[in-house]
Amino acid sequence: MSVYFVVQEEVKDQAGLDAYMEAAKTSTLGRGRALVVDNDVAPVEGNWHGSRLVILELEDGASFTEWYNSPEYQNALPLRLAATDSRGALVKGLG
């Protein structure tokens, strides 16, 4: 069953986020893919966090864990966390 890594971000340092995106290119999602990368989210309901939304689709939880814990991604991750105020969640797709 597919899983989705959903991240809401308030960007505090665009240059830092750009450095993260460059560094993150060295990691691989395997059979995963980016579905949404939107820097201008239009909130419709409730209190939305930030203006950036990213949704990644991965084959399953094991694929997510392999990617997220990979040395390549772990090297890039601190750059994103320093440049943004992020909220992230892993959610399951419909089976």
PDB file of N, CA and C in Angstrom:
ATOM      1  N   MET A   1       0.840  -1.166   0.000  1.00  0.00           N
ATOM      2  CA  MET A   1       0.000   0.000   0.000  1.00  0.00           C
ATOM      3  C   MET A   1       0.892   1.237   0.000  1.00  0.00           C
ATOM      4  N   SER A   2       0.604   2.191  -0.866  1.00  0.00           N
ATOM      5  CA  SER A   2       1.374   3.433  -0.932  1.00  0.00           C
ATOM      6  C   SER A   2       1.251   4.217   0.357  1.00  0.00           C
ATOM      7  N   VAL A   3       2.330   4.942   0.682  1.00  0.00           N
ATOM      8  CA  VAL A   3       2.314   5.883   1.788  1.00  0.00           C
ATOM      9  C   VAL A   3       2.713   7.251   1.246  1.00  0.00           C
ATOM     10  N   TYR A   4       2.308   8.272   1.968  1.00  0.00           N
ATOM     11  CA  TYR A   4       2.552   9.645   1.540  1.00  0.00           C
ATOM     12  C   TYR A   4       3.199  10.419   2.676  1.00  0.00           C
ATOM     13  N   PHE A   5       4.311  11.066   2.372  1.00  0.00           N
ATOM     14  CA  PHE A   5       4.980  11.938   3.327  1.00  0.00           C
ATOM     15  C   PHE A   5       4.514  13.346   3.002  1.00  0.00           C
ATOM     16  N   VAL A   6       3.778  13.933   3.934  1.00  0.00           N
ATOM     17  CA  VAL A   6       3.163  15.244   3.735  1.00  0.00           C
ATOM     18  C   VAL A   6       3.872  16.237   4.652  1.00  0.00           C
ATOM     19  N   VAL A   7       4.374  17.325   4.078  1.00  0.00           N
ATOM     20  CA  VAL A   7       5.124  18.315   4.851  1.00  0.00           C
ATOM     21  C   VAL A   7       4.553  19.705   4.585  1.00  0.00           C
ATOM     22  N   GLN A   8       4.142  20.380   5.664  1.00  0.00           N
ATOM     23  CA  GLN A   8       3.745  21.784   5.616  1.00  0.00           C
ATOM     24  C   GLN A   8       4.934  22.586   6.120  1.00  0.00           C
ATOM     25  N   GLU A   9       5.273  23.665   5.423  1.00  0.00           N
ATOM     26  CA  GLU A   9       6.452  24.427   5.815  1.00  0.00           C
ATOM     27  C   GLU A   9       6.215  25.923   5.745  1.00  0.00           C
ATOM     28  N   GLU A  10       6.744  26.600   6.741  1.00  0.00           N
ATOM     29  CA  GLU A  10       6.896  28.044   6.696  1.00  0.00           C
ATOM     30  C   GLU A  10       8.372  28.282   6.422  1.00  0.00           C
ATOM     31  N   VAL A  11       8.678  28.858   5.285  1.00  0.00           N
ATOM     32  CA  VAL A  11      10.073  29.064   4.890  1.00  0.00           C
ATOM     33  C   VAL A  11      10.610  30.303   5.596  1.00  0.00           C
ATOM     34  N   LYS A  12      11.694  30.108   6.340  1.00  0.00           N
ATOM     35  CA  LYS A  12      12.342  31.210   7.054  1.00  0.00           C
ATOM     36  C   LYS A  12      13.599  31.687   6.332  1.00  0.00           C
ATOM     37  N   ASP A  13      14.191  30.807   5.519  1.00  0.00           N
ATOM     38  CA  ASP A  13      15.469  31.090   4.853  1.00  0.00           C
ATOM     39  C   ASP A  13      15.459  30.410   3.480  1.00  0.00           C
ATOM     40  N   GLN A  14      15.101  31.176   2.450  1.00  0.00           N
ATOM     41  CA  GLN A  14      14.985  30.590   1.107  1.00  0.00           C
ATOM     42  C   GLN A  14      16.316  30.048   0.605  1.00  0.00           C
ATOM     43  N   ALA A  15      17.410  30.753   0.869  1.00  0.00           N
ATOM     44  CA  ALA A  15      18.726  30.259   0.431  1.00  0.00           C
ATOM     45  C   ALA A  15      19.052  28.934   1.118  1.00  0.00           C
ATOM     46  N   GLY A  16      18.699  28.810   2.386  1.00  0.00           N
ATOM     47  CA  GLY A  16      18.912  27.553   3.099  1.00  0.00           C
ATOM     48  C   GLY A  16      18.067  26.431   2.535  1.00  0.00           C
ATOM     49  N   LEU A  17      16.818  26.749   2.163  1.00  0.00           N
ATOM     50  CA  LEU A  17      15.945  25.737   1.553  1.00  0.00           C
ATOM     51  C   LEU A  17      16.483  25.327   0.190  1.00  0.00           C
ATOM     52  N   ASP A  18      17.000  26.291  -0.563  1.00  0.00           N
ATOM     53  CA  ASP A  18      17.604  25.970  -1.860  1.00  0.00           C
ATOM     54  C   ASP A  18      18.799  25.035  -1.674  1.00  0.00           C
ATOM     55  N   ALA A  19      19.603  25.280  -0.637  1.00  0.00           N
ATOM     56  CA  ALA A  19      20.755  24.406  -0.355  1.00  0.00           C
ATOM     57  C   ALA A  19      20.271  23.005   0.006  1.00  0.00           C
ATOM     58  N   TYR A  20      19.179  22.923   0.784  1.00  0.00           N
ATOM     59  CA  TYR A  20      18.596  21.616   1.118  1.00  0.00           C
ATOM     60  C   TYR A  20      18.158  20.886  -0.148  1.00  0.00           C
ATOM     61  N   MET A  21      17.438  21.581  -1.027  1.00  0.00           N
ATOM     62  CA  MET A  21      16.921  20.924  -2.234  1.00  0.00           C
ATOM     63  C   MET A  21      18.059  20.401  -3.103  1.00  0.00           C
ATOM     64  N   GLU A  22      19.150  21.135  -3.155  1.00  0.00           N
ATOM     65  CA  GLU A  22      20.312  20.667  -3.916  1.00  0.00           C
ATOM     66  C   GLU A  22      20.916  19.433  -3.245  1.00  0.00           C
ATOM     67  N   ALA A  23      21.074  19.475  -1.935  1.00  0.00           N
ATOM     68  CA  ALA A  23      21.653  18.344  -1.204  1.00  0.00           C
ATOM     69  C   ALA A  23      20.739  17.125  -1.252  1.00  0.00           C
ATOM     70  N   ALA A  24      19.432  17.338  -1.209  1.00  0.00           N
ATOM     71  CA  ALA A  24      18.475  16.225  -1.199  1.00  0.00           C
ATOM     72  C   ALA A  24      18.465  15.465  -2.523  1.00  0.00           C
ATOM     73  N   LYS A  25      18.934  16.097  -3.590  1.00  0.00           N
ATOM     74  CA  LYS A  25      18.984  15.424  -4.892  1.00  0.00           C
ATOM     75  C   LYS A  25      19.878  14.183  -4.860  1.00  0.00           C
ATOM     76  N   THR A  26      20.799  14.115  -3.898  1.00  0.00           N
ATOM     77  CA  THR A  26      21.686  12.955  -3.823  1.00  0.00           C
ATOM     78  C   THR A  26      20.968  11.736  -3.241  1.00  0.00           C
ATOM     79  N   SER A  27      19.821  11.973  -2.575  1.00  0.00           N
ATOM     80  CA  SER A  27      19.039  10.848  -2.061  1.00  0.00           C
ATOM     81  C   SER A  27      18.089  10.392  -3.160  1.00  0.00           C
ATOM     82  N   THR A  28      17.636   9.160  -3.063  1.00  0.00           N
ATOM     83  CA  THR A  28      16.742   8.644  -4.085  1.00  0.00           C
ATOM     84  C   THR A  28      15.479   8.103  -3.445  1.00  0.00           C
ATOM     85  N   LEU A  29      14.337   8.404  -4.045  1.00  0.00           N
ATOM     86  CA  LEU A  29      13.063   7.903  -3.553  1.00  0.00           C
ATOM     87  C   LEU A  29      12.784   6.492  -4.046  1.00  0.00           C
ATOM     88  N   GLY A  30      13.706   5.908  -4.782  1.00  0.00           N
ATOM     89  CA  GLY A  30      13.471   4.563  -5.323  1.00  0.00           C
ATOM     90  C   GLY A  30      12.265   4.587  -6.245  1.00  0.00           C
ATOM     91  N   ARG A  31      11.236   3.827  -5.890  1.00  0.00           N
ATOM     92  CA  ARG A  31      10.009   3.805  -6.690  1.00  0.00           C
ATOM     93  C   ARG A  31       9.050   4.924  -6.296  1.00  0.00           C
ATOM     94  N   GLY A  32       9.508   5.827  -5.441  1.00  0.00           N
ATOM     95  CA  GLY A  32       8.673   6.942  -5.017  1.00  0.00           C
ATOM     96  C   GLY A  32       8.752   8.107  -5.979  1.00  0.00           C
ATOM     97  N   ARG A  33       7.899   9.100  -5.711  1.00  0.00           N
ATOM     98  CA  ARG A  33       7.911  10.292  -6.560  1.00  0.00           C
ATOM     99  C   ARG A  33       7.288  11.462  -5.805  1.00  0.00           C
ATOM    100  N   ALA A  34       7.664  12.647  -6.220  1.00  0.00           N
ATOM    101  CA  ALA A  34       7.062  13.861  -5.673  1.00  0.00           C
ATOM    102  C   ALA A  34       5.747  14.107  -6.406  1.00  0.00           C
ATOM    103  N   LEU A  35       4.669  14.212  -5.662  1.00  0.00           N
ATOM    104  CA  LEU A  35       3.362  14.502  -6.250  1.00  0.00           C
ATOM    105  C   LEU A  35       3.056  15.987  -6.213  1.00  0.00           C
ATOM    106  N   VAL A  36       3.452  16.650  -5.139  1.00  0.00           N
ATOM    107  CA  VAL A  36       3.145  18.068  -4.961  1.00  0.00           C
ATOM    108  C   VAL A  36       4.359  18.763  -4.364  1.00  0.00           C
ATOM    109  N   VAL A  37       4.748  19.871  -4.962  1.00  0.00           N
ATOM    110  CA  VAL A  37       5.682  20.821  -4.369  1.00  0.00           C
ATOM    111  C   VAL A  37       5.104  22.191  -4.706  1.00  0.00           C
ATOM    112  N   ASP A  38       4.425  22.798  -3.732  1.00  0.00           N
ATOM    113  CA  ASP A  38       3.704  24.051  -3.960  1.00  0.00           C
ATOM    114  C   ASP A  38       4.205  25.092  -2.975  1.00  0.00           C
ATOM    115  N   ASN A  39       4.723  26.181  -3.487  1.00  0.00           N
ATOM    116  CA  ASN A  39       5.252  27.260  -2.648  1.00  0.00           C
ATOM    117  C   ASN A  39       4.245  28.367  -2.387  1.00  0.00           C
ATOM    118  N   ASP A  40       3.014  28.189  -2.842  1.00  0.00           N
ATOM    119  CA  ASP A  40       1.991  29.231  -2.674  1.00  0.00           C
ATOM    120  C   ASP A  40       0.643  28.581  -2.385  1.00  0.00           C
ATOM    121  N   VAL A  41       0.563  27.865  -1.269  1.00  0.00           N
ATOM    122  CA  VAL A  41      -0.651  27.153  -0.880  1.00  0.00           C
ATOM    123  C   VAL A  41      -1.758  28.162  -0.593  1.00  0.00           C
ATOM    124  N   ALA A  42      -2.962  27.855  -1.039  1.00  0.00           N
ATOM    125  CA  ALA A  42      -4.141  28.696  -0.787  1.00  0.00           C
ATOM    126  C   ALA A  42      -5.014  28.012   0.270  1.00  0.00           C
ATOM    127  N   PRO A  43      -4.859  28.376   1.534  1.00  0.00           N
ATOM    128  CA  PRO A  43      -5.657  27.740   2.590  1.00  0.00           C
ATOM    129  C   PRO A  43      -7.150  27.956   2.361  1.00  0.00           C
ATOM    130  N   VAL A  44      -7.923  26.928   2.640  1.00  0.00           N
ATOM    131  CA  VAL A  44      -9.375  26.995   2.477  1.00  0.00           C
ATOM    132  C   VAL A  44     -10.072  26.839   3.821  1.00  0.00           C
ATOM    133  N   GLU A  45      -9.544  25.967   4.683  1.00  0.00           N
ATOM    134  CA  GLU A  45     -10.177  25.716   5.979  1.00  0.00           C
ATOM    135  C   GLU A  45      -9.133  25.710   7.091  1.00  0.00           C
ATOM    136  N   GLY A  46      -9.505  26.195   8.245  1.00  0.00           N
ATOM    137  CA  GLY A  46      -8.676  26.100   9.442  1.00  0.00           C
ATOM    138  C   GLY A  46      -7.424  26.944   9.394  1.00  0.00           C
ATOM    139  N   ASN A  47      -6.579  26.719  10.383  1.00  0.00           N
ATOM    140  CA  ASN A  47      -5.309  27.428  10.502  1.00  0.00           C
ATOM    141  C   ASN A  47      -4.228  26.638   9.791  1.00  0.00           C
ATOM    142  N   TRP A  48      -3.830  27.087   8.630  1.00  0.00           N
ATOM    143  CA  TRP A  48      -2.820  26.415   7.829  1.00  0.00           C
ATOM    144  C   TRP A  48      -1.453  26.864   8.291  1.00  0.00           C
ATOM    145  N   HIS A  49      -0.483  25.970   8.211  1.00  0.00           N
ATOM    146  CA  HIS A  49       0.876  26.286   8.632  1.00  0.00           C
ATOM    147  C   HIS A  49       1.756  26.548   7.422  1.00  0.00           C
ATOM    148  N   GLY A  50       2.243  27.756   7.279  1.00  0.00           N
ATOM    149  CA  GLY A  50       3.197  28.092   6.228  1.00  0.00           C
ATOM    150  C   GLY A  50       2.566  28.251   4.862  1.00  0.00           C
ATOM    151  N   SER A  51       3.428  28.434   3.870  1.00  0.00           N
ATOM    152  CA  SER A  51       2.960  28.640   2.494  1.00  0.00           C
ATOM    153  C   SER A  51       3.437  27.545   1.548  1.00  0.00           C
ATOM    154  N   ARG A  52       4.207  26.576   2.058  1.00  0.00           N
ATOM    155  CA  ARG A  52       4.788  25.534   1.210  1.00  0.00           C
ATOM    156  C   ARG A  52       4.235  24.173   1.637  1.00  0.00           C
ATOM    157  N   LEU A  53       3.878  23.371   0.638  1.00  0.00           N
ATOM    158  CA  LEU A  53       3.390  22.015   0.876  1.00  0.00           C
ATOM    159  C   LEU A  53       4.124  21.060  -0.054  1.00  0.00           C
ATOM    160  N   VAL A  54       4.588  19.948   0.505  1.00  0.00           N
ATOM    161  CA  VAL A  54       5.250  18.905  -0.273  1.00  0.00           C
ATOM    162  C   VAL A  54       4.562  17.585   0.049  1.00  0.00           C
ATOM    163  N   ILE A  55       4.232  16.826  -0.985  1.00  0.00           N
ATOM    164  CA  ILE A  55       3.677  15.484  -0.800  1.00  0.00           C
ATOM    165  C   ILE A  55       4.499  14.520  -1.650  1.00  0.00           C
ATOM    166  N   LEU A  56       5.123  13.560  -0.967  1.00  0.00           N
ATOM    167  CA  LEU A  56       5.887  12.518  -1.646  1.00  0.00           C
ATOM    168  C   LEU A  56       5.119  11.216  -1.533  1.00  0.00           C
ATOM    169  N   GLU A  57       5.071  10.453  -2.619  1.00  0.00           N
ATOM    170  CA  GLU A  57       4.438   9.135  -2.623  1.00  0.00           C
ATOM    171  C   GLU A  57       5.540   8.088  -2.658  1.00  0.00           C
ATOM    172  N   LEU A  58       5.443   7.119  -1.742  1.00  0.00           N
ATOM    173  CA  LEU A  58       6.395   6.009  -1.720  1.00  0.00           C
ATOM    174  C   LEU A  58       5.631   4.706  -1.719  1.00  0.00           C
ATOM    175  N   GLU A  59       6.297   3.661  -2.167  1.00  0.00           N
ATOM    176  CA  GLU A  59       5.646   2.358  -2.361  1.00  0.00           C
ATOM    177  C   GLU A  59       5.025   1.806  -1.077  1.00  0.00           C
ATOM    178  N   ASP A  60       5.729   1.944   0.050  1.00  0.00           N
ATOM    179  CA  ASP A  60       5.236   1.409   1.327  1.00  0.00           C
ATOM    180  C   ASP A  60       6.054   2.025   2.456  1.00  0.00           C
ATOM    181  N   GLY A  61       5.699   1.669   3.688  1.00  0.00           N
ATOM    182  CA  GLY A  61       6.397   2.210   4.840  1.00  0.00           C
ATOM    183  C   GLY A  61       7.875   1.875   4.866  1.00  0.00           C
ATOM    184  N   ALA A  62       8.221   0.680   4.430  1.00  0.00           N
ATOM    185  CA  ALA A  62       9.631   0.278   4.402  1.00  0.00           C
ATOM    186  C   ALA A  62      10.422   1.147   3.420  1.00  0.00           C
ATOM    187  N   SER A  63       9.822   1.468   2.286  1.00  0.00           N
ATOM    188  CA  SER A  63      10.489   2.335   1.302  1.00  0.00           C
ATOM    189  C   SER A  63      10.713   3.731   1.875  1.00  0.00           C
ATOM    190  N   PHE A  64       9.705   4.233   2.597  1.00  0.00           N
ATOM    191  CA  PHE A  64       9.860   5.537   3.245  1.00  0.00           C
ATOM    192  C   PHE A  64      11.012   5.497   4.235  1.00  0.00           C
ATOM    193  N   THR A  65      11.026   4.504   5.112  1.00  0.00           N
ATOM    194  CA  THR A  65      12.057   4.402   6.140  1.00  0.00           C
ATOM    195  C   THR A  65      13.443   4.290   5.518  1.00  0.00           C
ATOM    196  N   GLU A  66      13.557   3.494   4.459  1.00  0.00           N
ATOM    197  CA  GLU A  66      14.848   3.336   3.777  1.00  0.00           C
ATOM    198  C   GLU A  66      15.333   4.665   3.226  1.00  0.00           C
ATOM    199  N   TRP A  67      14.423   5.416   2.580  1.00  0.00           N
ATOM    200  CA  TRP A  67      14.800   6.722   2.026  1.00  0.00           C
ATOM    201  C   TRP A  67      15.099   7.729   3.131  1.00  0.00           C
ATOM    202  N   TYR A  68      14.164   7.873   4.082  1.00  0.00           N
ATOM    203  CA  TYR A  68      14.293   8.910   5.114  1.00  0.00           C
ATOM    204  C   TYR A  68      15.534   8.702   5.965  1.00  0.00           C
ATOM    205  N   ASN A  69      15.869   7.460   6.275  1.00  0.00           N
ATOM    206  CA  ASN A  69      17.019   7.159   7.121  1.00  0.00           C
ATOM    207  C   ASN A  69      18.322   6.989   6.345  1.00  0.00           C
ATOM    208  N   SER A  70      18.267   7.131   5.018  1.00  0.00           N
ATOM    209  CA  SER A  70      19.489   6.968   4.222  1.00  0.00           C
ATOM    210  C   SER A  70      20.508   8.047   4.600  1.00  0.00           C
ATOM    211  N   PRO A  71      21.784   7.720   4.529  1.00  0.00           N
ATOM    212  CA  PRO A  71      22.813   8.722   4.841  1.00  0.00           C
ATOM    213  C   PRO A  71      22.689   9.972   3.971  1.00  0.00           C
ATOM    214  N   GLU A  72      22.324   9.794   2.704  1.00  0.00           N
ATOM    215  CA  GLU A  72      22.201  10.937   1.805  1.00  0.00           C
ATOM    216  C   GLU A  72      21.102  11.897   2.272  1.00  0.00           C
ATOM    217  N   TYR A  73      19.937  11.343   2.640  1.00  0.00           N
ATOM    218  CA  TYR A  73      18.862  12.227   3.078  1.00  0.00           C
ATOM    219  C   TYR A  73      19.147  12.801   4.461  1.00  0.00           C
ATOM    220  N   GLN A  74      19.720  12.002   5.340  1.00  0.00           N
ATOM    221  CA  GLN A  74      20.029  12.501   6.675  1.00  0.00           C
ATOM    222  C   GLN A  74      21.064  13.624   6.635  1.00  0.00           C
ATOM    223  N   ASN A  75      21.935  13.641   5.626  1.00  0.00           N
ATOM    224  CA  ASN A  75      22.871  14.755   5.449  1.00  0.00           C
ATOM    225  C   ASN A  75      22.152  16.018   4.998  1.00  0.00           C
ATOM    226  N   ALA A  76      21.102  15.881   4.219  1.00  0.00           N
ATOM    227  CA  ALA A  76      20.358  17.029   3.698  1.00  0.00           C
ATOM    228  C   ALA A  76      19.341  17.565   4.707  1.00  0.00           C
ATOM    229  N   LEU A  77      18.735  16.691   5.473  1.00  0.00           N
ATOM    230  CA  LEU A  77      17.625  17.051   6.356  1.00  0.00           C
ATOM    231  C   LEU A  77      17.903  18.229   7.287  1.00  0.00           C
ATOM    232  N   PRO A  78      19.054  18.317   7.951  1.00  0.00           N
ATOM    233  CA  PRO A  78      19.286  19.456   8.840  1.00  0.00           C
ATOM    234  C   PRO A  78      19.204  20.806   8.130  1.00  0.00           C
ATOM    235  N   LEU A  79      19.522  20.830   6.841  1.00  0.00           N
ATOM    236  CA  LEU A  79      19.417  22.075   6.082  1.00  0.00           C
ATOM    237  C   LEU A  79      17.959  22.523   5.975  1.00  0.00           C
ATOM    238  N   ARG A  80      17.057  21.567   5.719  1.00  0.00           N
ATOM    239  CA  ARG A  80      15.624  21.908   5.633  1.00  0.00           C
ATOM    240  C   ARG A  80      15.090  22.329   6.982  1.00  0.00           C
ATOM    241  N   LEU A  81      15.454  21.602   8.018  1.00  0.00           N
ATOM    242  CA  LEU A  81      14.944  21.918   9.348  1.00  0.00           C
ATOM    243  C   LEU A  81      15.434  23.276   9.835  1.00  0.00           C
ATOM    244  N   ALA A  82      16.641  23.675   9.439  1.00  0.00           N
ATOM    245  CA  ALA A  82      17.163  24.991   9.815  1.00  0.00           C
ATOM    246  C   ALA A  82      16.511  26.117   9.013  1.00  0.00           C
ATOM    247  N   ALA A  83      16.100  25.821   7.785  1.00  0.00           N
ATOM    248  CA  ALA A  83      15.568  26.849   6.891  1.00  0.00           C
ATOM    249  C   ALA A  83      14.054  27.015   6.978  1.00  0.00           C
ATOM    250  N   THR A  84      13.385  26.076   7.628  1.00  0.00           N
ATOM    251  CA  THR A  84      11.921  26.106   7.667  1.00  0.00           C
ATOM    252  C   THR A  84      11.404  25.770   9.054  1.00  0.00           C
ATOM    253  N   ASP A  85      10.154  26.126   9.285  1.00  0.00           N
ATOM    254  CA  ASP A  85       9.400  25.608  10.431  1.00  0.00           C
ATOM    255  C   ASP A  85       8.470  24.579   9.806  1.00  0.00           C
ATOM    256  N   SER A  86       8.767  23.310  10.009  1.00  0.00           N
ATOM    257  CA  SER A  86       8.105  22.228   9.271  1.00  0.00           C
ATOM    258  C   SER A  86       7.197  21.395  10.149  1.00  0.00           C
ATOM    259  N   ARG A  87       6.145  20.879   9.522  1.00  0.00           N
ATOM    260  CA  ARG A  87       5.270  19.870  10.115  1.00  0.00           C
ATOM    261  C   ARG A  87       5.213  18.730   9.115  1.00  0.00           C
ATOM    262  N   GLY A  88       5.538  17.518   9.531  1.00  0.00           N
ATOM    263  CA  GLY A  88       5.549  16.382   8.620  1.00  0.00           C
ATOM    264  C   GLY A  88       4.754  15.216   9.175  1.00  0.00           C
ATOM    265  N   ALA A  89       4.123  14.462   8.280  1.00  0.00           N
ATOM    266  CA  ALA A  89       3.363  13.278   8.678  1.00  0.00           C
ATOM    267  C   ALA A  89       3.468  12.236   7.590  1.00  0.00           C
ATOM    268  N   LEU A  90       3.478  10.989   8.011  1.00  0.00           N
ATOM    269  CA  LEU A  90       3.432   9.860   7.086  1.00  0.00           C
ATOM    270  C   LEU A  90       2.018   9.299   7.152  1.00  0.00           C
ATOM    271  N   VAL A  91       1.351   9.231   5.996  1.00  0.00           N
ATOM    272  CA  VAL A  91      -0.029   8.758   5.957  1.00  0.00           C
ATOM    273  C   VAL A  91      -0.147   7.615   4.949  1.00  0.00           C
ATOM    274  N   LYS A  92      -1.107   6.727   5.191  1.00  0.00           N
ATOM    275  CA  LYS A  92      -1.325   5.580   4.311  1.00  0.00           C
ATOM    276  C   LYS A  92      -2.335   5.933   3.232  1.00  0.00           C
ATOM    277  N   GLY A  93      -2.114   5.389   2.038  1.00  0.00           N
ATOM    278  CA  GLY A  93      -3.049   5.561   0.942  1.00  0.00           C
ATOM    279  C   GLY A  93      -4.212   4.585   1.084  1.00  0.00           C
ATOM    280  N   LEU A  94      -5.167   4.725   0.214  1.00  0.00           N
ATOM    281  CA  LEU A  94      -6.299   3.804   0.199  1.00  0.00           C
ATOM    282  C   LEU A  94      -5.848   2.481  -0.389  1.00  0.00           C
ATOM    283  N   GLY A  95      -6.216   1.392   0.249  1.00  0.00           N
ATOM    284  CA  GLY A  95      -5.743   0.064  -0.160  1.00  0.00           C
ATOM    285  C   GLY A  95      -6.446  -0.544  -1.268  1.00  0.00           C
TER     286      GLY A  95
END
